[in-house]
Amino acid sequence: MKILRMNYVQTLIITVIATLLLVPNICCSEETGTSKTLIIVYSRTGKSMLAAQTLKAQLNADLLEIKDLEDRSGTLGYIGAGYDAFFDRHTAIAPQKADLSPYSNIIIISPIWNWKLSTPIHTFIDNNRFDGKQVIMVTTGNNDIRKYELYDDSAPFLKRFFRDYIRGKSQSVRSYVTANGGYFIKHYHVETLETPDKEIITRTAKHVENIKNDFSVTTAQREQEDSRLIQIAGNK
């Protein structure tokens, strides 16, 4: 009888503990609902992956690594990467397609190659649909490309040239996503030139709150607001 009582008590304790452990998970699932976030990343040197891991940890996101089946190592790999990006070439990647249906929010992380998205990320975007997804782009690179946005038309020619050139590339990225059904939200950049890993993590983490705010508005709400603004514009 004593043994049976002990087994009963042990069973009761285990049941209570299991219930307490499950409750937060259930609450979390209800809070996130369909707003799960997926980070899609390609990284040649590991810097973009470091940024991806930082966002994954702070946003509780899932992560999908895109692998380039072309050898990009060493100097020849670096030159080939720039060449392929310049001519908007595709490359063999794994995976070519991914099931994005469980996710409402997508973060795409890519190094900058020749002022463009890396070829593996460009290939992945072209091969996949983003219907109904909110998409944020995070790029990494040796230059702070966002600083050129600060220049106005009175700036020296070279600065204006790079400003307009980068704007054109940013618009191309937006077009890639929207052409495949996605809702392009924003572009963030992390400068990585001669930057230690700890600083890359710090610079990436600075974007976390903004990204959370970006994703706090649903696609339906954005579309409703767009329709309202279009209607207002049509009535003028």
Protein backbone atom coordinates (compact mmCIF):
# COMPACT_ATOMS: atom_id res chain seq x y z
CA MET A 1 0.00 0.00 0.00
CA LYS A 2 2.86 2.35 0.89
CA ILE A 3 4.53 1.66 -2.45
CA LEU A 4 1.30 2.32 -4.31
CA ARG A 5 0.89 5.62 -2.46
CA MET A 6 4.43 6.69 -3.37
CA ASN A 7 3.83 5.82 -7.03
CA TYR A 8 0.60 7.83 -6.96
CA VAL A 9 2.38 10.86 -5.44
CA GLN A 10 5.21 10.64 -7.93
CA THR A 11 2.76 10.40 -10.81
CA LEU A 12 0.86 13.43 -9.50
CA ILE A 13 4.04 15.48 -9.15
CA ILE A 14 5.18 14.61 -12.67
CA THR A 15 1.75 15.50 -14.07
CA VAL A 16 1.77 18.90 -12.33
CA ILE A 17 5.30 19.69 -13.55
CA ALA A 18 4.47 18.64 -17.11
CA THR A 19 1.36 20.82 -17.06
CA LEU A 20 3.31 23.83 -15.83
CA LEU A 21 5.90 23.32 -18.55
CA LEU A 22 3.28 23.02 -21.26
CA VAL A 23 1.26 26.09 -20.31
CA PRO A 24 3.90 28.65 -21.38
CA ASN A 25 4.35 26.84 -24.68
CA ILE A 26 0.62 26.89 -25.34
CA CYS A 27 0.47 30.59 -24.46
CA CYS A 28 3.39 31.33 -26.70
CA SER A 29 1.77 29.51 -29.60
CA GLU A 30 -1.42 31.49 -29.16
CA GLU A 31 0.49 34.78 -29.05
CA THR A 32 2.51 34.13 -32.15
CA GLY A 33 -0.41 32.56 -34.05
CA THR A 34 0.45 32.83 -37.73
CA SER A 35 3.22 35.39 -37.13
CA LYS A 36 6.08 32.91 -37.12
CA THR A 37 9.35 34.28 -38.47
CA LEU A 38 11.82 32.53 -40.76
CA ILE A 39 15.34 33.78 -41.39
CA ILE A 40 16.77 32.80 -44.78
CA VAL A 41 20.52 33.31 -44.99
CA TYR A 42 23.46 32.73 -47.27
CA SER A 43 26.94 33.38 -45.91
CA ARG A 44 30.22 33.02 -47.79
CA THR A 45 32.55 34.11 -44.97
CA GLY A 46 30.37 33.50 -41.92
CA LYS A 47 29.56 37.16 -41.21
CA SER A 48 26.02 37.01 -42.58
CA MET A 49 25.48 33.79 -40.62
CA LEU A 50 26.61 35.56 -37.45
CA ALA A 51 24.01 38.26 -38.09
CA ALA A 52 21.40 35.57 -38.77
CA GLN A 53 22.16 33.70 -35.54
CA THR A 54 21.90 36.97 -33.60
CA LEU A 55 18.44 37.72 -35.00
CA LYS A 56 17.36 34.09 -34.60
CA ALA A 57 18.12 34.16 -30.88
CA GLN A 58 16.48 37.53 -30.22
CA LEU A 59 13.41 37.05 -32.40
CA ASN A 60 12.82 33.38 -31.58
CA ALA A 61 12.86 32.69 -35.30
CA ASP A 62 13.56 29.60 -37.37
CA LEU A 63 16.59 29.61 -39.67
CA LEU A 64 17.11 28.25 -43.17
CA GLU A 65 20.65 28.28 -44.58
CA ILE A 66 21.05 28.50 -48.34
CA LYS A 67 24.14 26.69 -49.59
CA ASP A 68 25.91 27.62 -52.82
CA LEU A 69 27.00 24.48 -54.68
CA GLU A 70 29.59 26.59 -56.53
CA ASP A 71 32.98 26.82 -54.78
CA ARG A 72 33.32 30.46 -53.64
CA SER A 73 36.39 30.02 -51.48
CA GLY A 74 39.62 31.98 -51.86
CA THR A 75 40.47 34.81 -54.24
CA LEU A 76 39.03 33.10 -57.32
CA GLY A 77 35.79 32.44 -55.47
CA TYR A 78 35.61 36.09 -54.45
CA ILE A 79 36.19 37.29 -58.02
CA GLY A 80 33.65 34.82 -59.38
CA ALA A 81 31.09 35.98 -56.83
CA GLY A 82 31.42 39.59 -57.96
CA TYR A 83 31.27 38.59 -61.63
CA ASP A 84 28.12 36.49 -61.21
CA ALA A 85 26.40 39.21 -59.18
CA PHE A 86 27.25 41.92 -61.71
CA PHE A 87 25.60 39.98 -64.54
CA ASP A 88 22.65 38.82 -62.38
CA ARG A 89 23.55 35.19 -62.94
CA HIS A 90 21.94 32.30 -61.07
CA THR A 91 23.80 29.48 -59.36
CA ALA A 92 23.08 25.95 -58.13
CA ILE A 93 21.83 26.14 -54.53
CA ALA A 94 20.44 23.85 -51.87
CA PRO A 95 17.62 23.99 -51.19
CA GLN A 96 16.25 25.50 -54.38
CA LYS A 97 12.75 25.74 -52.94
CA ALA A 98 11.41 25.87 -49.40
CA ASP A 99 8.01 25.48 -47.74
CA LEU A 100 7.31 29.00 -46.48
CA SER A 101 3.65 28.35 -45.68
CA PRO A 102 4.10 28.20 -41.85
CA TYR A 103 5.57 31.71 -41.80
CA SER A 104 4.07 35.18 -42.03
CA ASN A 105 7.37 37.04 -41.58
CA ILE A 106 10.51 36.43 -43.62
CA ILE A 107 13.96 37.92 -43.01
CA ILE A 108 16.40 37.44 -45.88
CA ILE A 109 20.07 37.95 -45.00
CA SER A 110 22.68 38.29 -47.72
CA PRO A 111 26.18 39.66 -48.20
CA ILE A 112 26.57 42.40 -50.77
CA TRP A 113 28.39 41.28 -53.92
CA ASN A 114 29.33 44.05 -56.32
CA TRP A 115 26.65 46.31 -54.79
CA LYS A 116 23.99 43.63 -55.33
CA LEU A 117 22.48 40.72 -53.46
CA SER A 118 24.62 37.60 -53.41
CA THR A 119 23.92 35.25 -56.31
CA PRO A 120 22.63 32.38 -54.08
CA ILE A 121 20.05 34.66 -52.42
CA HIS A 122 19.04 36.17 -55.75
CA THR A 123 18.58 32.62 -57.08
CA PHE A 124 16.50 31.58 -54.06
CA ILE A 125 14.20 34.60 -54.34
CA ASP A 126 13.59 33.92 -58.03
CA ASN A 127 12.81 30.24 -57.32
CA ASN A 128 10.28 30.79 -54.54
CA ARG A 129 6.94 32.49 -53.90
CA PHE A 130 6.38 34.87 -51.00
CA ASP A 131 2.61 35.26 -51.29
CA GLY A 132 1.18 36.98 -48.23
CA LYS A 133 4.56 37.20 -46.51
CA GLN A 134 6.09 40.31 -44.97
CA VAL A 135 9.73 40.44 -46.05
CA ILE A 136 12.63 42.33 -44.51
CA MET A 137 16.05 42.36 -46.16
CA VAL A 138 19.24 42.48 -44.11
CA THR A 139 22.51 42.89 -45.99
CA THR A 140 26.07 42.72 -44.76
CA GLY A 141 29.10 44.21 -46.44
CA ASN A 142 32.35 46.11 -46.25
CA ASN A 143 30.70 49.51 -46.71
CA ASP A 144 27.97 51.34 -44.85
CA ILE A 145 25.77 51.65 -47.93
CA ARG A 146 22.99 53.35 -45.95
CA LYS A 147 25.09 56.49 -45.44
CA TYR A 148 24.61 57.46 -49.08
CA GLU A 149 20.89 57.94 -48.41
CA LEU A 150 21.82 61.05 -46.41
CA TYR A 151 23.14 62.93 -49.43
CA ASP A 152 20.85 65.41 -51.16
CA ASP A 153 21.11 66.89 -54.66
CA SER A 154 23.64 69.48 -53.49
CA ALA A 155 26.19 66.77 -52.63
CA PRO A 156 29.26 66.22 -54.85
CA PHE A 157 28.65 64.23 -58.03
CA LEU A 158 30.31 61.00 -56.87
CA LYS A 159 28.26 60.86 -53.68
CA ARG A 160 25.05 61.51 -55.62
CA PHE A 161 26.05 58.84 -58.13
CA PHE A 162 26.45 56.20 -55.42
CA ARG A 163 23.22 57.36 -53.75
CA ASP A 164 21.21 56.90 -56.94
CA TYR A 165 23.03 53.68 -57.84
CA ILE A 166 22.26 52.11 -54.45
CA ARG A 167 18.67 53.33 -54.61
CA GLY A 168 18.34 51.54 -57.92
CA LYS A 169 19.72 48.31 -56.48
CA SER A 170 17.43 48.60 -53.46
CA GLN A 171 14.47 49.04 -55.78
CA SER A 172 15.57 45.94 -57.69
CA VAL A 173 15.51 43.93 -54.45
CA ARG A 174 12.03 45.23 -53.70
CA SER A 175 10.95 44.27 -57.21
CA TYR A 176 12.34 40.71 -56.82
CA VAL A 177 10.23 40.18 -53.69
CA THR A 178 7.03 41.87 -54.83
CA ALA A 179 7.15 40.11 -58.21
CA ASN A 180 6.93 36.83 -56.29
CA GLY A 181 4.00 37.93 -54.15
CA GLY A 182 5.81 39.25 -51.08
CA TYR A 183 5.20 42.47 -49.16
CA PHE A 184 8.59 44.19 -48.94
CA ILE A 185 8.83 46.08 -45.63
CA LYS A 186 12.34 47.45 -45.14
CA HIS A 187 16.05 47.04 -45.80
CA TYR A 188 18.64 47.04 -43.02
CA HIS A 189 22.41 46.91 -43.44
CA VAL A 190 25.25 45.78 -41.17
CA GLU A 191 28.76 46.99 -42.00
CA THR A 192 31.34 44.24 -41.44
CA LEU A 193 34.67 45.61 -42.74
CA GLU A 194 37.45 44.57 -40.34
CA THR A 195 34.76 44.18 -37.68
CA PRO A 196 35.20 41.66 -34.84
CA ASP A 197 32.42 39.16 -34.30
CA LYS A 198 31.29 40.84 -31.08
CA GLU A 199 30.75 44.15 -32.90
CA ILE A 200 28.83 42.45 -35.73
CA ILE A 201 26.52 40.98 -33.10
CA THR A 202 26.09 44.40 -31.47
CA ARG A 203 25.36 46.15 -34.78
CA THR A 204 22.86 43.49 -35.77
CA ALA A 205 21.14 43.56 -32.39
CA LYS A 206 20.50 47.29 -32.77
CA HIS A 207 17.97 46.47 -35.49
CA VAL A 208 15.96 43.99 -33.41
CA GLU A 209 13.42 46.41 -31.92
CA ASN A 210 12.82 48.08 -35.28
CA ILE A 211 12.28 44.70 -36.90
CA LYS A 212 9.80 43.74 -34.18
CA ASN A 213 7.92 46.98 -34.81
CA ASP A 214 8.00 46.36 -38.57
CA PHE A 215 6.41 42.95 -38.11
CA SER A 216 3.88 44.17 -35.51
CA VAL A 217 1.68 45.40 -38.37
CA THR A 218 0.07 42.54 -40.26
CA THR A 219 -0.06 42.25 -44.04
CA ALA A 220 -3.85 42.63 -43.91
CA GLN A 221 -3.50 45.90 -42.02
CA ARG A 222 -0.92 47.18 -44.49
CA GLU A 223 -3.12 46.27 -47.44
CA GLN A 224 -6.11 47.95 -45.80
CA GLU A 225 -4.09 51.13 -45.27
CA ASP A 226 -2.81 51.01 -48.86
CA SER A 227 -6.38 50.71 -50.14
CA ARG A 228 -7.44 53.66 -47.99
CA LEU A 229 -4.62 55.85 -49.31
CA ILE A 230 -5.36 54.83 -52.91
CA GLN A 231 -9.02 55.70 -52.39
CA ILE A 232 -8.09 59.11 -50.94
CA ALA A 233 -5.75 59.77 -53.85
CA GLY A 234 -8.50 58.79 -56.33
CA ASN A 235 -10.95 61.20 -54.75
CA LYS A 236 -8.65 64.18 -55.12
